[in-house]
Amino acid sequence: MKTYNFKIYGNKYAVEVGELDDNMIEVNVNGTPYKVELDMELKPKTITPVVKVAAPPKAEGGAPAQKVTPAAPTGGGGTLTSPLPGTVLDVFVRPGDAVKVGQRLLLLEAMKMENNIDADRDGVVKEVKVSKSDAVMEGQVLVVFE
C-alpha cells in the first residue's frame, strides 16, 4: 500500500491506497477502511528502463583505456518480472523451452498498447507464472528460469 498525507480545509488525512482490482480500490483513511469504486478507467504510468553507462576511464594521452558495457544477466536461474501493470494477451514459451536474450516471451497489454516482454538472459524456462488473459501488476514474476 502507498500512503499519502492530505490536508483538506485544514484537516489532515493519512490515506493508504491499496491495489486496483477491476475498478475497485481499498483505501484506509485515518484508520477507517473504505472500498472505492472508480467511475473511469485508471491508466497506469509507463515505465521505461534506463541503463546508464559510466564514461570509460582515460588512459595516458587522453584515449579511452577500455570499452565499458553494462553486464547482462546470464543463464543459471532467475526471474523475469513485469515492467508495468497490464493484461497478458499471449504467452509464447512453455517450461523446458530454451530462450535467447531478446526473444519474445509474452505479449502484455498496458494502456491500450501491446508490449513485447522479451528475455533478458539466455536460459531455459523453468516455470511460466502467468496465462493468457491474466492481469499482472508491476514487479510480478512472469517467468522463472533454471
Protein backbone atom coordinates (compact mmCIF):
# COMPACT_ATOMS: atom_id res chain seq x y z
CA MET A 1 0.00 0.00 0.00
CA LYS A 2 1.11 3.53 -0.69
CA THR A 3 0.49 6.18 1.94
CA TYR A 4 -0.35 9.79 1.14
CA ASN A 5 -0.86 12.71 3.51
CA PHE A 6 -3.54 15.21 2.53
CA LYS A 7 -4.67 18.47 4.06
CA ILE A 8 -8.26 19.35 3.13
CA TYR A 9 -9.82 22.53 4.56
CA GLY A 10 -7.20 22.47 7.31
CA ASN A 11 -7.88 18.85 8.30
CA LYS A 12 -5.06 16.30 7.96
CA TYR A 13 -5.74 12.87 6.42
CA ALA A 14 -3.40 9.89 6.17
CA VAL A 15 -4.62 7.84 3.20
CA GLU A 16 -3.30 4.36 2.39
CA VAL A 17 -4.17 3.24 -1.14
CA GLY A 18 -4.27 -0.49 -1.90
CA GLU A 19 -4.15 -2.44 -5.15
CA LEU A 20 -6.55 -1.83 -8.02
CA ASP A 21 -8.89 -4.79 -8.64
CA ASP A 22 -11.00 -4.17 -11.75
CA ASN A 23 -12.38 -0.73 -10.88
CA MET A 24 -12.30 -1.16 -7.06
CA ILE A 25 -9.57 0.13 -4.72
CA GLU A 26 -9.31 -0.43 -0.99
CA VAL A 27 -8.28 2.70 0.87
CA ASN A 28 -7.71 3.40 4.53
CA VAL A 29 -8.37 7.00 5.65
CA ASN A 30 -7.09 7.83 9.15
CA GLY A 31 -7.57 4.19 10.17
CA THR A 32 -11.01 3.70 8.59
CA PRO A 33 -11.15 1.24 5.67
CA TYR A 34 -13.22 2.04 2.56
CA LYS A 35 -13.83 0.31 -0.76
CA VAL A 36 -13.79 2.92 -3.51
CA GLU A 37 -15.28 2.33 -6.96
CA LEU A 38 -13.70 4.23 -9.82
CA ASP A 39 -16.10 5.60 -12.43
CA MET A 40 -13.37 5.80 -15.07
CA GLU A 41 -10.51 3.62 -16.30
CA LEU A 42 -7.31 4.19 -14.37
CA LYS A 43 -4.34 4.47 -16.72
CA PRO A 44 -1.08 3.16 -15.21
CA LYS A 45 2.09 5.10 -15.79
CA THR A 46 4.56 3.84 -18.36
CA ILE A 47 7.89 2.69 -17.05
CA THR A 48 10.85 2.96 -19.36
CA PRO A 49 14.01 1.21 -18.17
CA VAL A 50 17.11 3.37 -18.32
CA VAL A 51 20.62 1.99 -18.43
CA LYS A 52 23.39 4.42 -17.59
CA VAL A 53 26.93 3.53 -18.56
CA ALA A 54 29.86 5.31 -16.99
CA ALA A 55 32.30 7.01 -19.31
CA PRO A 56 35.33 4.80 -19.99
CA PRO A 57 38.43 5.63 -17.97
CA LYS A 58 41.07 7.62 -19.83
CA ALA A 59 44.45 6.11 -20.48
CA GLU A 60 47.56 8.21 -20.64
CA GLY A 61 47.32 10.61 -23.53
CA GLY A 62 43.53 11.03 -23.17
CA ALA A 63 42.46 7.97 -25.21
CA PRO A 64 39.86 5.61 -23.75
CA ALA A 65 41.54 2.68 -21.96
CA GLN A 66 38.73 0.19 -22.44
CA LYS A 67 35.18 -0.10 -23.64
CA VAL A 68 32.60 -0.24 -20.83
CA THR A 69 29.35 -2.12 -21.40
CA PRO A 70 26.61 -2.96 -18.91
CA ALA A 71 26.56 -6.58 -17.75
CA ALA A 72 23.56 -8.58 -18.95
CA PRO A 73 22.10 -11.37 -16.82
CA THR A 74 23.32 -14.77 -17.90
CA GLY A 75 21.76 -18.22 -17.72
CA GLY A 76 21.70 -20.12 -14.46
CA GLY A 77 18.46 -19.08 -12.83
CA GLY A 78 16.49 -16.01 -12.04
CA THR A 79 13.14 -14.48 -12.83
CA LEU A 80 11.62 -12.06 -15.29
CA THR A 81 9.16 -9.58 -13.79
CA SER A 82 6.51 -7.37 -15.32
CA PRO A 83 7.80 -3.84 -16.02
CA LEU A 84 4.28 -2.39 -15.71
CA PRO A 85 0.72 -3.44 -14.84
CA GLY A 86 -1.40 -4.87 -17.63
CA THR A 87 -3.12 -7.92 -19.11
CA VAL A 88 -1.35 -10.90 -20.66
CA LEU A 89 -2.53 -11.20 -24.28
CA ASP A 90 -0.36 -14.17 -25.26
CA VAL A 91 2.35 -16.47 -23.90
CA PHE A 92 4.98 -17.69 -26.39
CA VAL A 93 7.04 -20.05 -24.19
CA ARG A 94 6.50 -23.14 -22.08
CA PRO A 95 8.53 -24.81 -19.33
CA GLY A 96 11.55 -26.54 -20.85
CA ASP A 97 11.95 -24.06 -23.73
CA ALA A 98 15.46 -22.72 -24.32
CA VAL A 99 15.43 -18.94 -24.86
CA LYS A 100 17.96 -16.35 -26.01
CA VAL A 101 18.36 -12.73 -24.96
CA GLY A 102 15.78 -10.59 -26.78
CA GLN A 103 13.45 -13.49 -27.62
CA ARG A 104 9.76 -12.60 -27.19
CA LEU A 105 8.25 -14.47 -24.22
CA LEU A 106 4.91 -12.71 -23.64
CA LEU A 107 2.64 -10.06 -25.10
CA LEU A 108 1.32 -7.65 -22.47
CA GLU A 109 -1.39 -5.04 -23.00
CA ALA A 110 -0.97 -1.90 -20.93
CA MET A 111 -2.64 1.45 -21.50
CA LYS A 112 -4.26 0.10 -24.68
CA MET A 113 -0.83 -0.67 -26.14
CA GLU A 114 0.71 -4.06 -26.85
CA ASN A 115 4.14 -4.55 -25.27
CA ASN A 116 6.52 -7.38 -26.08
CA ILE A 117 8.11 -8.85 -22.96
CA ASP A 118 11.47 -10.21 -24.09
CA ALA A 119 14.02 -12.47 -22.41
CA ASP A 120 16.71 -10.51 -20.59
CA ARG A 121 19.01 -13.56 -20.46
CA ASP A 122 19.85 -16.80 -22.21
CA GLY A 123 18.43 -19.79 -20.36
CA VAL A 124 15.80 -22.47 -20.03
CA VAL A 125 12.26 -21.68 -18.91
CA LYS A 126 11.59 -23.47 -15.61
CA GLU A 127 8.10 -22.08 -15.00
CA VAL A 128 5.64 -19.68 -16.61
CA LYS A 129 3.74 -17.99 -13.77
CA VAL A 130 1.00 -16.38 -15.91
CA SER A 131 -1.56 -17.42 -18.50
CA LYS A 132 -3.35 -15.70 -21.34
CA SER A 133 -5.81 -13.02 -20.06
CA ASP A 134 -4.22 -12.81 -16.57
CA ALA A 135 -3.99 -9.35 -15.03
CA VAL A 136 -0.48 -8.61 -13.75
CA MET A 137 0.99 -5.92 -11.55
CA GLU A 138 4.31 -4.13 -11.90
CA GLY A 139 7.08 -6.29 -10.43
CA GLN A 140 5.06 -9.52 -10.56
CA VAL A 141 7.08 -12.59 -11.56
CA LEU A 142 6.15 -13.73 -15.07
CA VAL A 143 8.77 -16.35 -15.94
CA VAL A 144 11.23 -18.35 -13.82
CA PHE A 145 14.50 -19.55 -15.41
CA GLU A 146 16.54 -22.64 -14.47
